[in-house]
Amino acid sequence: MGFIDHDIIESFAAERINLPSDTAASPSIPHLARRSDDTVGAIAGYRARWRPPEGTGRWEWVVGRPMADPRATDEREQLIGRVMAVVVDDARTQLRTKESDDPPAWSIRLLQERAARGECRIDPARNGGPPRASPSVPQGNGPRRRR
């Protein structure tokens, strides 16, 4: 997949997946909705099995705080990976099937939040200026498609 911004994925996941279940947040594409439902079910099983304490840290809104048992830690990491995969696939599908040149509302909100924190900047190379090296920006995205 290349560059992964975990903050953006987690923010989008928090917006799209509400526990224990929220059908309004399920992806609209059937196979993604099924994967999302399966993932929510796996999360419910994990929470019932391990009873992790609630927390406010990264991913704790969905899988609770990390547990001391290595088996719980492994399962927790697998669940986070599953959530990320479903969310990224849903976002890609939304961006591909959008009938307009306008980005989806969720992406605008996330970009505004990131820009407010100084984490999103306009690349001068796109505006005719000299290119700026940045480790957080993937290189070689290819030409932008026009409709």
N, C-alpha and C. Protein backbone atom coordinates (compact mmCIF):
# COMPACT_ATOMS: atom_id res chain seq x y z
N MET A 1 0.82 -1.18 0.00
CA MET A 1 0.00 0.00 0.00
C MET A 1 0.86 1.24 0.00
N GLY A 2 2.15 1.14 0.38
CA GLY A 2 2.99 2.32 0.41
C GLY A 2 2.83 3.08 1.71
N PHE A 3 2.82 4.40 1.62
CA PHE A 3 2.72 5.28 2.77
C PHE A 3 1.39 5.10 3.49
N ILE A 4 1.44 4.91 4.81
CA ILE A 4 0.23 4.76 5.61
C ILE A 4 0.25 5.83 6.69
N ASP A 5 -0.76 6.64 6.74
CA ASP A 5 -0.90 7.62 7.81
C ASP A 5 -1.90 7.07 8.81
N HIS A 6 -1.39 6.51 9.89
CA HIS A 6 -2.24 5.84 10.88
C HIS A 6 -3.22 6.81 11.54
N ASP A 7 -2.84 8.07 11.71
CA ASP A 7 -3.77 9.04 12.31
C ASP A 7 -5.00 9.23 11.45
N ILE A 8 -4.80 9.35 10.14
CA ILE A 8 -5.94 9.53 9.25
C ILE A 8 -6.81 8.28 9.24
N ILE A 9 -6.19 7.12 9.19
CA ILE A 9 -6.96 5.87 9.18
C ILE A 9 -7.74 5.73 10.47
N GLU A 10 -7.10 6.02 11.61
CA GLU A 10 -7.80 5.90 12.89
C GLU A 10 -8.95 6.90 12.98
N SER A 11 -8.73 8.13 12.51
CA SER A 11 -9.81 9.13 12.54
C SER A 11 -10.98 8.69 11.69
N PHE A 12 -10.69 8.19 10.48
CA PHE A 12 -11.75 7.73 9.59
C PHE A 12 -12.45 6.52 10.18
N ALA A 13 -11.67 5.62 10.78
CA ALA A 13 -12.27 4.43 11.40
C ALA A 13 -13.20 4.83 12.53
N ALA A 14 -12.78 5.79 13.34
CA ALA A 14 -13.62 6.23 14.46
C ALA A 14 -14.92 6.81 13.95
N GLU A 15 -14.87 7.47 12.80
CA GLU A 15 -16.08 8.06 12.23
C GLU A 15 -16.97 6.99 11.60
N ARG A 16 -16.38 5.96 11.01
CA ARG A 16 -17.14 4.97 10.25
C ARG A 16 -17.59 3.77 11.07
N ILE A 17 -16.88 3.43 12.13
CA ILE A 17 -17.21 2.22 12.89
C ILE A 17 -17.56 2.62 14.31
N ASN A 18 -18.80 2.39 14.68
CA ASN A 18 -19.25 2.62 16.05
C ASN A 18 -19.63 1.28 16.65
N LEU A 19 -19.20 1.03 17.84
CA LEU A 19 -19.48 -0.24 18.48
C LEU A 19 -20.64 -0.09 19.46
N PRO A 20 -21.40 -1.14 19.75
CA PRO A 20 -21.22 -2.49 19.25
C PRO A 20 -21.64 -2.68 17.80
N SER A 21 -22.66 -1.96 17.32
CA SER A 21 -22.96 -2.04 15.89
C SER A 21 -23.67 -0.78 15.47
N ASP A 22 -23.36 -0.35 14.27
CA ASP A 22 -23.99 0.84 13.71
C ASP A 22 -24.08 0.62 12.21
N THR A 23 -25.25 0.19 11.75
CA THR A 23 -25.39 -0.13 10.33
C THR A 23 -25.24 1.09 9.46
N ALA A 24 -25.53 2.28 9.99
CA ALA A 24 -25.38 3.49 9.19
C ALA A 24 -23.91 3.73 8.84
N ALA A 25 -22.99 3.20 9.65
CA ALA A 25 -21.57 3.41 9.40
C ALA A 25 -20.96 2.33 8.50
N SER A 26 -21.73 1.29 8.19
CA SER A 26 -21.20 0.22 7.35
C SER A 26 -20.96 0.73 5.94
N PRO A 27 -19.93 0.20 5.28
CA PRO A 27 -19.70 0.57 3.89
C PRO A 27 -20.90 0.19 3.03
N SER A 28 -21.10 0.90 1.94
CA SER A 28 -22.25 0.65 1.08
C SER A 28 -22.02 -0.51 0.11
N ILE A 29 -20.80 -0.89 -0.15
CA ILE A 29 -20.48 -1.99 -1.05
C ILE A 29 -20.65 -3.30 -0.27
N PRO A 30 -21.43 -4.26 -0.78
CA PRO A 30 -21.76 -5.47 0.00
C PRO A 30 -20.56 -6.22 0.57
N HIS A 31 -19.51 -6.48 -0.23
CA HIS A 31 -18.39 -7.25 0.32
C HIS A 31 -17.65 -6.46 1.40
N LEU A 32 -17.59 -5.14 1.28
CA LEU A 32 -16.96 -4.34 2.34
C LEU A 32 -17.85 -4.28 3.58
N ALA A 33 -19.16 -4.21 3.38
CA ALA A 33 -20.08 -4.21 4.53
C ALA A 33 -19.96 -5.53 5.28
N ARG A 34 -19.84 -6.63 4.55
CA ARG A 34 -19.69 -7.95 5.18
C ARG A 34 -18.38 -8.01 5.96
N ARG A 35 -17.29 -7.53 5.35
CA ARG A 35 -16.00 -7.51 6.07
C ARG A 35 -16.07 -6.63 7.30
N SER A 36 -16.73 -5.48 7.18
CA SER A 36 -16.88 -4.58 8.31
C SER A 36 -17.67 -5.26 9.43
N ASP A 37 -18.79 -5.89 9.07
CA ASP A 37 -19.60 -6.60 10.07
C ASP A 37 -18.81 -7.72 10.73
N ASP A 38 -18.05 -8.47 9.94
CA ASP A 38 -17.21 -9.55 10.49
C ASP A 38 -16.17 -8.99 11.45
N THR A 39 -15.59 -7.85 11.10
CA THR A 39 -14.58 -7.22 11.95
C THR A 39 -15.20 -6.74 13.25
N VAL A 40 -16.37 -6.11 13.17
CA VAL A 40 -17.06 -5.66 14.39
C VAL A 40 -17.39 -6.87 15.28
N GLY A 41 -17.81 -7.98 14.67
CA GLY A 41 -18.07 -9.20 15.43
C GLY A 41 -16.82 -9.73 16.11
N ALA A 42 -15.70 -9.70 15.40
CA ALA A 42 -14.42 -10.15 15.98
C ALA A 42 -14.00 -9.25 17.14
N ILE A 43 -14.25 -7.96 16.99
CA ILE A 43 -13.93 -7.02 18.07
C ILE A 43 -14.78 -7.32 19.30
N ALA A 44 -16.07 -7.57 19.08
CA ALA A 44 -16.96 -7.90 20.19
C ALA A 44 -16.49 -9.18 20.90
N GLY A 45 -16.06 -10.18 20.12
CA GLY A 45 -15.54 -11.41 20.71
C GLY A 45 -14.28 -11.16 21.52
N TYR A 46 -13.38 -10.35 20.98
CA TYR A 46 -12.14 -10.00 21.68
C TYR A 46 -12.46 -9.31 23.01
N ARG A 47 -13.36 -8.33 22.95
CA ARG A 47 -13.71 -7.59 24.17
C ARG A 47 -14.37 -8.50 25.21
N ALA A 48 -15.22 -9.41 24.76
CA ALA A 48 -15.86 -10.34 25.70
C ALA A 48 -14.84 -11.30 26.30
N ARG A 49 -13.91 -11.77 25.49
CA ARG A 49 -12.92 -12.75 25.93
C ARG A 49 -11.89 -12.14 26.89
N TRP A 50 -11.37 -10.97 26.55
CA TRP A 50 -10.26 -10.40 27.31
C TRP A 50 -10.68 -9.28 28.26
N ARG A 51 -11.83 -8.70 28.06
CA ARG A 51 -12.34 -7.60 28.89
C ARG A 51 -11.29 -6.49 29.11
N PRO A 52 -10.79 -5.93 28.02
CA PRO A 52 -9.77 -4.88 28.17
C PRO A 52 -10.39 -3.61 28.75
N PRO A 53 -9.64 -2.93 29.63
CA PRO A 53 -10.16 -1.66 30.17
C PRO A 53 -10.26 -0.61 29.08
N GLU A 54 -11.25 0.26 29.20
CA GLU A 54 -11.41 1.36 28.25
C GLU A 54 -10.20 2.28 28.34
N GLY A 55 -9.96 3.02 27.30
CA GLY A 55 -8.84 3.95 27.30
C GLY A 55 -9.05 5.05 26.29
N THR A 56 -8.13 5.98 26.29
CA THR A 56 -8.22 7.11 25.36
C THR A 56 -7.03 7.16 24.40
N GLY A 57 -6.16 6.18 24.48
CA GLY A 57 -4.98 6.15 23.60
C GLY A 57 -5.33 5.65 22.22
N ARG A 58 -4.29 5.53 21.42
CA ARG A 58 -4.44 5.10 20.03
C ARG A 58 -5.14 3.74 19.97
N TRP A 59 -6.22 3.67 19.20
CA TRP A 59 -7.04 2.49 18.96
C TRP A 59 -7.77 1.97 20.19
N GLU A 60 -7.61 2.60 21.35
CA GLU A 60 -8.28 2.12 22.56
C GLU A 60 -9.78 2.33 22.51
N TRP A 61 -10.27 3.22 21.66
CA TRP A 61 -11.70 3.42 21.51
C TRP A 61 -12.37 2.17 20.96
N VAL A 62 -11.62 1.33 20.25
CA VAL A 62 -12.22 0.15 19.64
C VAL A 62 -11.80 -1.15 20.32
N VAL A 63 -10.55 -1.27 20.77
CA VAL A 63 -10.08 -2.53 21.36
C VAL A 63 -9.61 -2.39 22.80
N GLY A 64 -9.85 -1.26 23.40
CA GLY A 64 -9.44 -1.07 24.79
C GLY A 64 -7.93 -0.97 24.94
N ARG A 65 -7.50 -0.90 26.18
CA ARG A 65 -6.07 -0.80 26.46
C ARG A 65 -5.37 -2.13 26.20
N PRO A 66 -4.07 -2.07 25.91
CA PRO A 66 -3.33 -3.32 25.71
C PRO A 66 -3.35 -4.18 26.97
N MET A 67 -3.36 -5.48 26.76
CA MET A 67 -3.38 -6.44 27.87
C MET A 67 -1.99 -7.03 28.05
N ALA A 68 -1.74 -7.60 29.23
CA ALA A 68 -0.43 -8.19 29.53
C ALA A 68 -0.23 -9.53 28.83
N ASP A 69 -1.29 -10.26 28.57
CA ASP A 69 -1.20 -11.58 27.94
C ASP A 69 -0.77 -11.42 26.48
N PRO A 70 0.31 -12.10 26.07
CA PRO A 70 0.77 -11.98 24.68
C PRO A 70 -0.27 -12.42 23.66
N ARG A 71 -1.12 -13.39 24.02
CA ARG A 71 -2.16 -13.82 23.09
C ARG A 71 -3.17 -12.70 22.85
N ALA A 72 -3.50 -11.95 23.91
CA ALA A 72 -4.41 -10.82 23.76
C ALA A 72 -3.75 -9.72 22.93
N THR A 73 -2.46 -9.51 23.15
CA THR A 73 -1.72 -8.51 22.38
C THR A 73 -1.72 -8.86 20.89
N ASP A 74 -1.46 -10.12 20.58
CA ASP A 74 -1.47 -10.55 19.17
C ASP A 74 -2.85 -10.38 18.55
N GLU A 75 -3.88 -10.80 19.27
CA GLU A 75 -5.25 -10.67 18.74
C GLU A 75 -5.62 -9.20 18.56
N ARG A 76 -5.22 -8.36 19.51
CA ARG A 76 -5.51 -6.92 19.44
C ARG A 76 -4.86 -6.32 18.19
N GLU A 77 -3.60 -6.65 17.93
CA GLU A 77 -2.90 -6.13 16.76
C GLU A 77 -3.55 -6.61 15.46
N GLN A 78 -3.98 -7.88 15.44
CA GLN A 78 -4.67 -8.39 14.26
C GLN A 78 -5.97 -7.64 14.01
N LEU A 79 -6.70 -7.35 15.08
CA LEU A 79 -7.96 -6.62 14.93
C LEU A 79 -7.73 -5.20 14.41
N ILE A 80 -6.71 -4.56 14.94
CA ILE A 80 -6.38 -3.21 14.45
C ILE A 80 -6.06 -3.27 12.96
N GLY A 81 -5.30 -4.28 12.56
CA GLY A 81 -4.99 -4.46 11.14
C GLY A 81 -6.24 -4.68 10.31
N ARG A 82 -7.19 -5.46 10.83
CA ARG A 82 -8.44 -5.70 10.10
C ARG A 82 -9.25 -4.42 9.96
N VAL A 83 -9.33 -3.64 11.05
CA VAL A 83 -10.06 -2.37 10.98
C VAL A 83 -9.41 -1.46 9.94
N MET A 84 -8.10 -1.36 9.98
CA MET A 84 -7.40 -0.50 9.03
C MET A 84 -7.65 -0.95 7.60
N ALA A 85 -7.61 -2.25 7.35
CA ALA A 85 -7.82 -2.77 5.99
C ALA A 85 -9.22 -2.44 5.48
N VAL A 86 -10.24 -2.65 6.31
CA VAL A 86 -11.61 -2.36 5.89
C VAL A 86 -11.78 -0.87 5.63
N VAL A 87 -11.26 -0.05 6.52
CA VAL A 87 -11.42 1.40 6.40
C VAL A 87 -10.70 1.92 5.15
N VAL A 88 -9.48 1.45 4.92
CA VAL A 88 -8.73 1.91 3.74
C VAL A 88 -9.43 1.45 2.46
N ASP A 89 -9.89 0.20 2.42
CA ASP A 89 -10.60 -0.28 1.23
C ASP A 89 -11.89 0.50 1.00
N ASP A 90 -12.61 0.83 2.08
CA ASP A 90 -13.84 1.61 1.95
C ASP A 90 -13.52 3.02 1.42
N ALA A 91 -12.48 3.63 1.96
CA ALA A 91 -12.10 4.98 1.51
C ALA A 91 -11.69 4.94 0.03
N ARG A 92 -10.91 3.95 -0.37
CA ARG A 92 -10.51 3.83 -1.78
C ARG A 92 -11.73 3.67 -2.68
N THR A 93 -12.67 2.84 -2.24
CA THR A 93 -13.89 2.62 -3.03
C THR A 93 -14.68 3.92 -3.16
N GLN A 94 -14.81 4.65 -2.07
CA GLN A 94 -15.53 5.92 -2.12
C GLN A 94 -14.86 6.89 -3.07
N LEU A 95 -13.55 6.97 -3.01
CA LEU A 95 -12.83 7.91 -3.88
C LEU A 95 -12.92 7.50 -5.35
N ARG A 96 -12.92 6.20 -5.63
CA ARG A 96 -13.01 5.73 -7.02
C ARG A 96 -14.40 5.91 -7.62
N THR A 97 -15.43 5.74 -6.81
CA THR A 97 -16.79 5.74 -7.34
C THR A 97 -17.49 7.08 -7.22
N LYS A 98 -16.82 8.06 -6.67
CA LYS A 98 -17.43 9.38 -6.51
C LYS A 98 -17.73 9.96 -7.89
N GLU A 99 -18.94 10.45 -8.07
CA GLU A 99 -19.37 10.98 -9.37
C GLU A 99 -18.90 12.41 -9.61
N SER A 100 -18.27 13.01 -8.64
CA SER A 100 -17.90 14.41 -8.73
C SER A 100 -16.40 14.55 -8.52
N ASP A 101 -15.86 15.71 -8.86
CA ASP A 101 -14.46 15.99 -8.57
C ASP A 101 -14.25 16.41 -7.13
N ASP A 102 -15.35 16.67 -6.41
CA ASP A 102 -15.25 17.06 -5.01
C ASP A 102 -14.93 15.84 -4.16
N PRO A 103 -13.98 15.97 -3.23
CA PRO A 103 -13.68 14.83 -2.36
C PRO A 103 -14.84 14.61 -1.38
N PRO A 104 -14.96 13.39 -0.84
CA PRO A 104 -16.01 13.12 0.14
C PRO A 104 -15.88 14.03 1.36
N ALA A 105 -16.99 14.30 2.03
CA ALA A 105 -17.00 15.20 3.19
C ALA A 105 -16.04 14.74 4.28
N TRP A 106 -15.95 13.43 4.51
CA TRP A 106 -15.07 12.95 5.57
C TRP A 106 -13.62 13.31 5.29
N SER A 107 -13.21 13.27 4.01
CA SER A 107 -11.81 13.56 3.69
C SER A 107 -11.52 15.05 3.86
N ILE A 108 -12.50 15.89 3.57
CA ILE A 108 -12.32 17.33 3.77
C ILE A 108 -12.12 17.63 5.25
N ARG A 109 -12.96 17.03 6.10
CA ARG A 109 -12.82 17.25 7.55
C ARG A 109 -11.45 16.80 8.05
N LEU A 110 -11.00 15.63 7.60
CA LEU A 110 -9.70 15.14 8.06
C LEU A 110 -8.56 16.04 7.57
N LEU A 111 -8.64 16.49 6.34
CA LEU A 111 -7.60 17.39 5.83
C LEU A 111 -7.61 18.71 6.59
N GLN A 112 -8.78 19.22 6.92
CA GLN A 112 -8.86 20.47 7.69
C GLN A 112 -8.24 20.30 9.07
N GLU A 113 -8.53 19.16 9.71
CA GLU A 113 -7.95 18.90 11.03
C GLU A 113 -6.43 18.79 10.94
N ARG A 114 -5.94 18.07 9.94
CA ARG A 114 -4.50 17.91 9.78
C ARG A 114 -3.83 19.24 9.45
N ALA A 115 -4.45 20.05 8.60
CA ALA A 115 -3.90 21.36 8.25
C ALA A 115 -3.85 22.26 9.47
N ALA A 116 -4.87 22.21 10.31
CA ALA A 116 -4.90 23.04 11.52
C ALA A 116 -3.76 22.68 12.47
N ARG A 117 -3.32 21.41 12.44
CA ARG A 117 -2.19 20.99 13.29
C ARG A 117 -0.85 21.22 12.59
N GLY A 118 -0.88 21.77 11.38
CA GLY A 118 0.36 22.02 10.65
C GLY A 118 0.92 20.79 9.98
N GLU A 119 0.11 19.75 9.81
CA GLU A 119 0.59 18.50 9.24
C GLU A 119 0.29 18.36 7.76
N CYS A 120 -0.49 19.26 7.19
CA CYS A 120 -0.81 19.26 5.76
C CYS A 120 -0.33 20.58 5.18
N ARG A 121 0.55 20.52 4.24
CA ARG A 121 1.04 21.74 3.63
C ARG A 121 1.00 21.59 2.12
N ILE A 122 0.84 22.69 1.44
CA ILE A 122 0.84 22.67 -0.02
C ILE A 122 2.26 22.43 -0.49
N ASP A 123 2.42 21.50 -1.40
CA ASP A 123 3.73 21.20 -1.96
C ASP A 123 4.06 22.26 -3.01
N PRO A 124 5.14 23.05 -2.80
CA PRO A 124 5.48 24.10 -3.75
C PRO A 124 5.73 23.58 -5.16
N ALA A 125 6.14 22.32 -5.30
CA ALA A 125 6.40 21.75 -6.63
C ALA A 125 5.13 21.70 -7.46
N ARG A 126 4.00 21.53 -6.83
CA ARG A 126 2.74 21.48 -7.57
C ARG A 126 2.31 22.87 -8.03
N ASN A 127 2.87 23.90 -7.41
CA ASN A 127 2.52 25.27 -7.78
C ASN A 127 3.64 25.96 -8.54
N GLY A 128 4.52 25.19 -9.13
CA GLY A 128 5.59 25.76 -9.95
C GLY A 128 6.85 26.10 -9.18
N GLY A 129 6.87 25.91 -7.88
CA GLY A 129 8.06 26.19 -7.07
C GLY A 129 8.99 24.99 -7.03
N PRO A 130 10.12 25.15 -6.33
CA PRO A 130 11.04 24.02 -6.23
C PRO A 130 10.43 22.91 -5.38
N PRO A 131 10.73 21.66 -5.72
CA PRO A 131 10.19 20.55 -4.93
C PRO A 131 10.72 20.58 -3.51
N ARG A 132 9.90 20.13 -2.61
CA ARG A 132 10.25 20.10 -1.20
C ARG A 132 10.33 18.64 -0.78
N ALA A 133 11.45 18.25 -0.19
CA ALA A 133 11.60 16.88 0.30
C ALA A 133 10.83 16.76 1.60
N SER A 134 10.02 15.75 1.70
CA SER A 134 9.25 15.52 2.92
C SER A 134 9.10 14.02 3.12
N PRO A 135 9.53 13.51 4.28
CA PRO A 135 9.42 12.08 4.51
C PRO A 135 7.97 11.64 4.70
N SER A 136 7.06 12.57 4.99
CA SER A 136 5.68 12.17 5.25
C SER A 136 4.80 12.22 4.02
N VAL A 137 5.37 12.63 2.89
CA VAL A 137 4.58 12.72 1.66
C VAL A 137 5.08 11.67 0.69
N PRO A 138 4.20 10.75 0.25
CA PRO A 138 4.66 9.74 -0.70
C PRO A 138 5.09 10.37 -2.00
N GLN A 139 6.14 9.86 -2.60
CA GLN A 139 6.66 10.40 -3.85
C GLN A 139 6.15 9.56 -5.01
N GLY A 140 6.09 10.15 -6.18
CA GLY A 140 5.75 9.41 -7.39
C GLY A 140 4.31 8.97 -7.47
N ASN A 141 3.39 9.84 -7.15
CA ASN A 141 1.99 9.46 -7.21
C ASN A 141 1.47 9.37 -8.65
N GLY A 142 2.22 9.83 -9.61
CA GLY A 142 1.79 9.77 -10.99
C GLY A 142 0.91 10.96 -11.33
N PRO A 143 0.53 11.07 -12.59
CA PRO A 143 -0.29 12.22 -13.00
C PRO A 143 -1.70 12.11 -12.44
N ARG A 144 -2.30 13.25 -12.23
CA ARG A 144 -3.66 13.32 -11.74
C ARG A 144 -4.60 13.11 -12.91
N ARG A 145 -5.58 12.23 -12.72
CA ARG A 145 -6.55 11.98 -13.79
C ARG A 145 -7.61 13.04 -13.80
N ARG A 146 -7.99 13.46 -14.98
CA ARG A 146 -9.07 14.43 -15.14
C ARG A 146 -10.24 13.74 -15.81
N ARG A 147 -11.44 14.21 -15.49
CA ARG A 147 -12.66 13.65 -16.10
C ARG A 147 -13.10 14.45 -17.25
